[in-house]
Amino acid sequence: NIQEHAVVTLRNLSVNSDNKVMIVGESALPPLISLLRSPFERIQEHAVVTIRNLSLNAENEVMIVQEGGLPPLVDLMLTQNERLQEHAVVAIRNLSVNEQNEWDIVAEGALQP
């Protein structure tokens, strides 16, 4: 599957600090975020790990939220697949170090009563 090969490549590249900035700078976030809603869990997992890796960069933290990354991350956090849950929670944790993102995370319903 071409989507899986592409997202695995981005996942591998996203571990490098310089690549984190370049990946986002090349407008990869919208397609990555859409892959979080893929019907295939393997693609979802590669996409969420890539976003988790990208979220370690302070500039990317803001961009991920601005590009609509929170709703699908929250959805993955509530899925039955524990691996997807774990990666989504770590990504949201990484995003939460930004003060504005904290409010957005709460507003998105990531903190259930």
C-alpha atoms as a PDB file:
ATOM      1  CA  ASN A   1       0.000   0.000   0.000  1.00  0.00           C
ATOM      2  CA  ILE A   2       1.494   3.320  -1.105  1.00  0.00           C
ATOM      3  CA  GLN A   3       0.050   5.192   1.902  1.00  0.00           C
ATOM      4  CA  GLU A   4       1.713   2.801   4.306  1.00  0.00           C
ATOM      5  CA  HIS A   5       5.088   3.063   2.569  1.00  0.00           C
ATOM      6  CA  ALA A   6       4.853   6.863   2.550  1.00  0.00           C
ATOM      7  CA  VAL A   7       3.894   7.157   6.218  1.00  0.00           C
ATOM      8  CA  VAL A   8       6.587   4.674   7.280  1.00  0.00           C
ATOM      9  CA  THR A   9       9.143   6.785   5.430  1.00  0.00           C
ATOM     10  CA  LEU A  10       7.926   9.921   7.225  1.00  0.00           C
ATOM     11  CA  ARG A  11       7.961   8.039  10.522  1.00  0.00           C
ATOM     12  CA  ASN A  12      11.580   7.049   9.994  1.00  0.00           C
ATOM     13  CA  LEU A  13      12.573  10.565   8.952  1.00  0.00           C
ATOM     14  CA  SER A  14      10.712  12.173  11.866  1.00  0.00           C
ATOM     15  CA  VAL A  15      13.151  10.902  14.475  1.00  0.00           C
ATOM     16  CA  ASN A  16      15.765  13.413  13.249  1.00  0.00           C
ATOM     17  CA  SER A  17      15.469  16.917  14.751  1.00  0.00           C
ATOM     18  CA  ASP A  18      16.186  18.724  11.479  1.00  0.00           C
ATOM     19  CA  ASN A  19      13.675  16.575   9.636  1.00  0.00           C
ATOM     20  CA  LYS A  20      10.935  17.403  12.160  1.00  0.00           C
ATOM     21  CA  VAL A  21      10.979  21.022  10.961  1.00  0.00           C
ATOM     22  CA  MET A  22      11.336  20.148   7.274  1.00  0.00           C
ATOM     23  CA  ILE A  23       8.466  17.638   7.299  1.00  0.00           C
ATOM     24  CA  VAL A  24       6.066  20.207   8.717  1.00  0.00           C
ATOM     25  CA  GLY A  25       7.521  22.939   6.494  1.00  0.00           C
ATOM     26  CA  GLU A  26       6.737  20.833   3.432  1.00  0.00           C
ATOM     27  CA  SER A  27       3.029  20.724   4.393  1.00  0.00           C
ATOM     28  CA  ALA A  28       2.994  17.080   5.463  1.00  0.00           C
ATOM     29  CA  LEU A  29       0.733  17.662   8.483  1.00  0.00           C
ATOM     30  CA  PRO A  30      -2.667  17.696   6.712  1.00  0.00           C
ATOM     31  CA  PRO A  31      -2.116  14.323   5.014  1.00  0.00           C
ATOM     32  CA  LEU A  32      -0.603  12.860   8.196  1.00  0.00           C
ATOM     33  CA  ILE A  33      -3.553  14.038  10.247  1.00  0.00           C
ATOM     34  CA  SER A  34      -5.971  12.533   7.718  1.00  0.00           C
ATOM     35  CA  LEU A  35      -4.134   9.194   8.020  1.00  0.00           C
ATOM     36  CA  LEU A  36      -4.999   9.164  11.733  1.00  0.00           C
ATOM     37  CA  ARG A  37      -8.534   8.360  10.528  1.00  0.00           C
ATOM     38  CA  SER A  38      -7.457   5.607   8.124  1.00  0.00           C
ATOM     39  CA  PRO A  39      -9.549   2.426   8.277  1.00  0.00           C
ATOM     40  CA  PHE A  40      -6.260   0.513   8.661  1.00  0.00           C
ATOM     41  CA  GLU A  41      -4.784   0.426  12.157  1.00  0.00           C
ATOM     42  CA  ARG A  42      -1.232  -0.090  10.866  1.00  0.00           C
ATOM     43  CA  ILE A  43      -1.450   3.172   8.922  1.00  0.00           C
ATOM     44  CA  GLN A  44      -2.999   4.913  11.938  1.00  0.00           C
ATOM     45  CA  GLU A  45      -0.150   3.681  14.112  1.00  0.00           C
ATOM     46  CA  HIS A  46       2.574   4.904  11.753  1.00  0.00           C
ATOM     47  CA  ALA A  47       0.812   8.262  11.425  1.00  0.00           C
ATOM     48  CA  VAL A  48       0.350   8.739  15.176  1.00  0.00           C
ATOM     49  CA  VAL A  49       3.976   7.815  15.884  1.00  0.00           C
ATOM     50  CA  THR A  50       5.090  10.298  13.235  1.00  0.00           C
ATOM     51  CA  ILE A  51       2.955  13.029  14.785  1.00  0.00           C
ATOM     52  CA  ARG A  52       4.212  12.033  18.228  1.00  0.00           C
ATOM     53  CA  ASN A  53       7.784  12.461  16.962  1.00  0.00           C
ATOM     54  CA  LEU A  54       6.994  15.773  15.269  1.00  0.00           C
ATOM     55  CA  SER A  55       5.324  17.061  18.442  1.00  0.00           C
ATOM     56  CA  LEU A  56       8.685  17.101  20.217  1.00  0.00           C
ATOM     57  CA  ASN A  57       9.487  20.322  18.336  1.00  0.00           C
ATOM     58  CA  ALA A  58       8.068  23.502  19.935  1.00  0.00           C
ATOM     59  CA  GLU A  59       6.999  25.063  16.616  1.00  0.00           C
ATOM     60  CA  ASN A  60       5.371  21.842  15.502  1.00  0.00           C
ATOM     61  CA  GLU A  61       3.350  21.635  18.741  1.00  0.00           C
ATOM     62  CA  VAL A  62       1.401  24.690  17.658  1.00  0.00           C
ATOM     63  CA  MET A  63       1.088  23.658  14.020  1.00  0.00           C
ATOM     64  CA  ILE A  64      -0.270  20.188  14.842  1.00  0.00           C
ATOM     65  CA  VAL A  65      -3.100  21.736  16.839  1.00  0.00           C
ATOM     66  CA  GLN A  66      -3.742  24.518  14.283  1.00  0.00           C
ATOM     67  CA  GLU A  67      -3.948  21.957  11.473  1.00  0.00           C
ATOM     68  CA  GLY A  68      -6.653  20.003  13.320  1.00  0.00           C
ATOM     69  CA  GLY A  69      -4.574  17.242  14.864  1.00  0.00           C
ATOM     70  CA  LEU A  70      -6.304  17.172  18.257  1.00  0.00           C
ATOM     71  CA  PRO A  71      -9.689  15.637  17.332  1.00  0.00           C
ATOM     72  CA  PRO A  72      -8.250  12.502  15.709  1.00  0.00           C
ATOM     73  CA  LEU A  73      -5.632  12.158  18.472  1.00  0.00           C
ATOM     74  CA  VAL A  74      -8.385  12.268  21.089  1.00  0.00           C
ATOM     75  CA  ASP A  75     -10.343   9.687  19.087  1.00  0.00           C
ATOM     76  CA  LEU A  76      -7.298   7.394  19.003  1.00  0.00           C
ATOM     77  CA  MET A  77      -6.828   7.882  22.722  1.00  0.00           C
ATOM     78  CA  LEU A  78     -10.300   6.366  23.197  1.00  0.00           C
ATOM     79  CA  THR A  79      -9.883   3.437  20.804  1.00  0.00           C
ATOM     80  CA  GLN A  80      -9.699  -0.202  21.911  1.00  0.00           C
ATOM     81  CA  ASN A  81      -6.202  -0.622  20.430  1.00  0.00           C
ATOM     82  CA  GLU A  82      -3.777  -0.080  23.317  1.00  0.00           C
ATOM     83  CA  ARG A  83      -0.810   0.730  21.065  1.00  0.00           C
ATOM     84  CA  LEU A  84      -2.781   3.492  19.336  1.00  0.00           C
ATOM     85  CA  GLN A  85      -3.963   4.747  22.729  1.00  0.00           C
ATOM     86  CA  GLU A  86      -0.416   4.894  24.058  1.00  0.00           C
ATOM     87  CA  HIS A  87       1.016   6.789  21.081  1.00  0.00           C
ATOM     88  CA  ALA A  88      -1.938   9.207  21.030  1.00  0.00           C
ATOM     89  CA  VAL A  89      -1.569   9.917  24.758  1.00  0.00           C
ATOM     90  CA  VAL A  90       2.159  10.578  24.384  1.00  0.00           C
ATOM     91  CA  ALA A  91       1.518  12.904  21.429  1.00  0.00           C
ATOM     92  CA  ILE A  92      -1.102  14.810  23.425  1.00  0.00           C
ATOM     93  CA  ARG A  93       1.273  14.979  26.390  1.00  0.00           C
ATOM     94  CA  ASN A  94       3.935  16.459  24.095  1.00  0.00           C
ATOM     95  CA  LEU A  95       1.446  19.003  22.776  1.00  0.00           C
ATOM     96  CA  SER A  96       0.412  19.957  26.301  1.00  0.00           C
ATOM     97  CA  VAL A  97       3.728  21.625  27.130  1.00  0.00           C
ATOM     98  CA  ASN A  98       2.457  24.579  25.102  1.00  0.00           C
ATOM     99  CA  GLU A  99       0.186  26.718  27.279  1.00  0.00           C
ATOM    100  CA  GLN A 100      -2.336  27.511  24.540  1.00  0.00           C
ATOM    101  CA  ASN A 101      -2.495  23.850  23.581  1.00  0.00           C
ATOM    102  CA  GLU A 102      -3.430  23.000  27.170  1.00  0.00           C
ATOM    103  CA  TRP A 103      -6.691  24.908  26.758  1.00  0.00           C
ATOM    104  CA  ASP A 104      -7.352  23.373  23.350  1.00  0.00           C
ATOM    105  CA  ILE A 105      -6.744  19.868  24.710  1.00  0.00           C
ATOM    106  CA  VAL A 106      -9.265  20.407  27.504  1.00  0.00           C
ATOM    107  CA  ALA A 107     -11.772  21.991  25.110  1.00  0.00           C
ATOM    108  CA  GLU A 108     -11.435  18.995  22.779  1.00  0.00           C
ATOM    109  CA  GLY A 109     -12.547  16.685  25.578  1.00  0.00           C
ATOM    110  CA  ALA A 110      -9.284  14.866  26.162  1.00  0.00           C
ATOM    111  CA  LEU A 111      -9.813  15.109  29.929  1.00  0.00           C
ATOM    112  CA  GLN A 112     -12.925  13.154  30.709  1.00  0.00           C
ATOM    113  CA  PRO A 113     -14.537  13.699  34.141  1.00  0.00           C
END
